[in-house]
Amino acid sequence: MHRTLFVTMLLALLALPGLAGAGETTDFVKLDAAGRELADQAADWAMVTDRTTGLTWEVKTDDNSLHDRDNVYSWKDTEATFIKGLNEEKFGGFADWRLPEDKELERLQKLNDQEPQLFARYFPNTAPSLYWTWSRCQDGTHNSAKLKFGPEPSPQARQNRVRAVRGVQKE
């Protein structure tokens, strides 16, 4: 009786967001290139929606496309080239892709014993590097910012990677 109750409670706890699979979260949903939900076991996906925040994130590839993990951009080219390209191609059926705020991208971090990482189960092909973000100043202006994933990247002072996001974060 006690053992059955314990196992039942343990299974219920594992089903809660943030407690599943060796630190992985169940708050994420995989999407195909048309923005349709996929099973969590899907082998190929193009985007991930965070159910907690309501934001949808681009998934990086290793195929020399606009989404390639090795693409780097200057601060100016982040919007003028990368974000503009996503919106012109209507990636996932959407034309409202943007650069994430620093706090939005931080939400995807999974801290471990070594370095901050993304949840690899949902965000494969994430190069260990600095990623462009932005932050809002008290006077309403924007500043560029960078967030690091993985071990210390080789110095590229003015060229960094970008992970696009769309949507408005839930409060």
Protein backbone atom coordinates (compact mmCIF):
# COMPACT_ATOMS: atom_id res chain seq x y z
CA MET A 1 0.00 0.00 0.00
CA HIS A 2 2.67 2.53 1.04
CA ARG A 3 4.89 1.55 -1.88
CA THR A 4 2.03 1.98 -4.37
CA LEU A 5 1.17 5.37 -2.91
CA PHE A 6 4.83 6.44 -3.07
CA VAL A 7 5.16 5.37 -6.72
CA THR A 8 1.91 7.14 -7.63
CA MET A 9 3.07 10.36 -5.94
CA LEU A 10 6.48 10.14 -7.61
CA LEU A 11 4.90 9.72 -11.05
CA ALA A 12 2.62 12.69 -10.37
CA LEU A 13 5.61 14.84 -9.40
CA LEU A 14 7.52 13.86 -12.53
CA ALA A 15 4.60 14.99 -14.65
CA LEU A 16 4.85 18.53 -13.26
CA PRO A 17 6.54 21.14 -15.50
CA GLY A 18 10.21 21.53 -14.75
CA LEU A 19 10.68 18.12 -13.12
CA ALA A 20 10.68 15.70 -16.04
CA GLY A 21 13.60 13.82 -17.51
CA ALA A 22 16.94 14.61 -15.86
CA GLY A 23 16.32 18.31 -15.47
CA GLU A 24 14.47 18.74 -18.74
CA THR A 25 11.20 20.63 -18.69
CA THR A 26 7.79 19.76 -20.09
CA ASP A 27 6.94 23.46 -20.60
CA PHE A 28 8.22 23.27 -24.19
CA VAL A 29 6.29 22.12 -27.27
CA LYS A 30 7.99 21.23 -30.56
CA LEU A 31 6.54 22.79 -33.74
CA ASP A 32 7.05 21.91 -37.39
CA ALA A 33 8.02 24.44 -40.09
CA ALA A 34 4.35 25.42 -40.52
CA GLY A 35 3.89 26.12 -36.79
CA ARG A 36 1.91 22.94 -36.02
CA GLU A 37 2.44 21.12 -32.72
CA LEU A 38 4.42 17.88 -32.82
CA ALA A 39 4.78 15.01 -30.41
CA ASP A 40 7.53 15.47 -27.85
CA GLN A 41 9.33 12.47 -29.42
CA ALA A 42 9.46 14.11 -32.88
CA ALA A 43 12.90 13.84 -34.47
CA ASP A 44 12.60 16.95 -36.67
CA TRP A 45 11.17 20.32 -35.65
CA ALA A 46 11.76 23.97 -36.55
CA MET A 47 10.46 25.92 -33.56
CA VAL A 48 9.67 25.49 -29.89
CA THR A 49 6.88 27.18 -27.95
CA ASP A 50 7.37 27.79 -24.24
CA ARG A 51 3.93 27.21 -22.71
CA THR A 52 4.87 29.13 -19.57
CA THR A 53 5.82 32.37 -21.32
CA GLY A 54 3.85 31.99 -24.57
CA LEU A 55 7.00 32.74 -26.61
CA THR A 56 7.97 30.76 -29.71
CA TRP A 57 11.68 30.21 -30.38
CA GLU A 58 13.62 29.42 -33.55
CA VAL A 59 15.52 26.12 -33.47
CA LYS A 60 19.04 26.22 -34.94
CA THR A 61 20.15 23.88 -37.73
CA ASP A 62 23.47 22.69 -39.17
CA ASP A 63 22.59 23.03 -42.86
CA ASN A 64 24.05 26.37 -44.08
CA SER A 65 20.57 27.96 -44.07
CA LEU A 66 19.52 31.20 -42.43
CA HIS A 67 18.99 29.12 -39.25
CA ASP A 68 22.50 27.60 -39.24
CA ARG A 69 24.18 27.44 -35.85
CA ASP A 70 27.42 28.86 -37.27
CA ASN A 71 25.96 32.12 -38.58
CA VAL A 72 27.23 35.20 -36.75
CA TYR A 73 26.09 38.79 -37.08
CA SER A 74 27.16 42.26 -36.10
CA TRP A 75 24.68 44.16 -33.92
CA LYS A 76 23.53 46.12 -37.00
CA ASP A 77 23.11 43.00 -39.16
CA THR A 78 21.13 41.18 -36.50
CA GLU A 79 17.98 43.12 -37.40
CA ALA A 80 18.85 44.20 -40.96
CA THR A 81 19.81 40.73 -42.18
CA PHE A 82 18.80 37.90 -39.87
CA ILE A 83 15.47 39.06 -38.38
CA LYS A 84 14.46 40.70 -41.67
CA GLY A 85 15.22 37.43 -43.49
CA LEU A 86 13.07 35.37 -41.11
CA ASN A 87 10.16 37.78 -41.47
CA GLU A 88 10.44 37.99 -45.26
CA GLU A 89 10.35 34.19 -45.57
CA LYS A 90 7.48 34.11 -43.02
CA PHE A 91 9.29 31.45 -41.04
CA GLY A 92 6.73 29.13 -39.48
CA GLY A 93 3.99 31.17 -41.12
CA PHE A 94 4.84 34.26 -39.03
CA ALA A 95 6.31 37.67 -39.87
CA ASP A 96 6.81 39.00 -36.35
CA TRP A 97 10.17 37.44 -35.42
CA ARG A 98 12.45 39.62 -33.31
CA LEU A 99 15.56 39.70 -31.19
CA PRO A 100 14.83 38.48 -27.64
CA GLU A 101 15.17 40.59 -24.54
CA ASP A 102 17.92 39.39 -22.23
CA LYS A 103 15.42 38.10 -19.63
CA GLU A 104 13.52 36.14 -22.29
CA LEU A 105 16.63 34.31 -23.47
CA GLU A 106 17.77 33.71 -19.88
CA ARG A 107 14.56 31.70 -19.37
CA LEU A 108 15.96 29.07 -21.73
CA GLN A 109 19.11 28.58 -19.67
CA LYS A 110 19.64 25.37 -17.78
CA LEU A 111 22.40 25.72 -15.22
CA ASN A 112 24.57 22.69 -14.68
CA ASP A 113 27.89 21.90 -13.03
CA GLN A 114 29.92 23.53 -15.80
CA GLU A 115 28.31 26.24 -17.90
CA PRO A 116 24.88 27.64 -18.70
CA GLN A 117 23.27 25.55 -21.44
CA LEU A 118 20.03 25.43 -23.33
CA PHE A 119 17.72 22.45 -22.99
CA ALA A 120 19.37 20.34 -25.73
CA ARG A 121 16.31 18.10 -26.00
CA TYR A 122 14.41 21.05 -27.47
CA PHE A 123 17.23 23.29 -28.74
CA PRO A 124 19.77 21.14 -30.60
CA ASN A 125 22.63 22.66 -32.57
CA THR A 126 23.20 25.45 -30.07
CA ALA A 127 26.77 26.59 -30.56
CA PRO A 128 28.66 27.45 -27.37
CA SER A 129 28.93 31.19 -27.86
CA LEU A 130 27.59 34.64 -27.10
CA TYR A 131 24.08 35.39 -28.36
CA TRP A 132 22.71 38.86 -29.08
CA THR A 133 19.85 40.08 -26.91
CA TRP A 134 18.67 43.51 -25.91
CA SER A 135 17.61 45.16 -22.69
CA ARG A 136 15.31 48.08 -22.03
CA CYS A 137 16.81 51.02 -20.16
CA GLN A 138 14.90 53.01 -17.55
CA ASP A 139 14.46 55.88 -20.02
CA GLY A 140 12.81 53.52 -22.53
CA THR A 141 15.77 53.22 -24.89
CA HIS A 142 17.33 49.87 -25.86
CA ASN A 143 20.85 48.57 -25.32
CA SER A 144 22.52 45.63 -26.99
CA ALA A 145 23.37 42.79 -24.67
CA LYS A 146 24.91 39.34 -24.95
CA LEU A 147 24.12 36.07 -23.20
CA LYS A 148 26.60 33.20 -23.08
CA PHE A 149 25.76 29.53 -23.58
CA GLY A 150 28.40 26.86 -23.08
CA PRO A 151 32.12 27.19 -22.45
CA GLU A 152 33.90 30.48 -23.04
CA PRO A 153 33.65 31.23 -26.77
CA SER A 154 36.55 32.42 -28.85
CA PRO A 155 36.58 36.21 -28.85
CA GLN A 156 34.41 37.70 -31.58
CA ALA A 157 33.92 41.15 -30.15
CA ARG A 158 31.46 42.39 -32.73
CA GLN A 159 30.09 39.16 -34.25
CA ASN A 160 27.71 36.99 -32.24
CA ARG A 161 24.96 34.46 -32.80
CA VAL A 162 21.23 35.11 -32.67
CA ARG A 163 18.24 33.00 -31.60
CA ALA A 164 15.01 34.59 -32.81
CA VAL A 165 11.78 34.71 -30.83
CA ARG A 166 8.21 35.76 -31.52
CA GLY A 167 5.25 36.60 -29.34
CA VAL A 168 4.72 38.64 -26.21
CA GLN A 169 5.82 37.16 -22.91
CA LYS A 170 3.01 36.44 -20.47
CA GLU A 171 3.25 38.41 -17.25
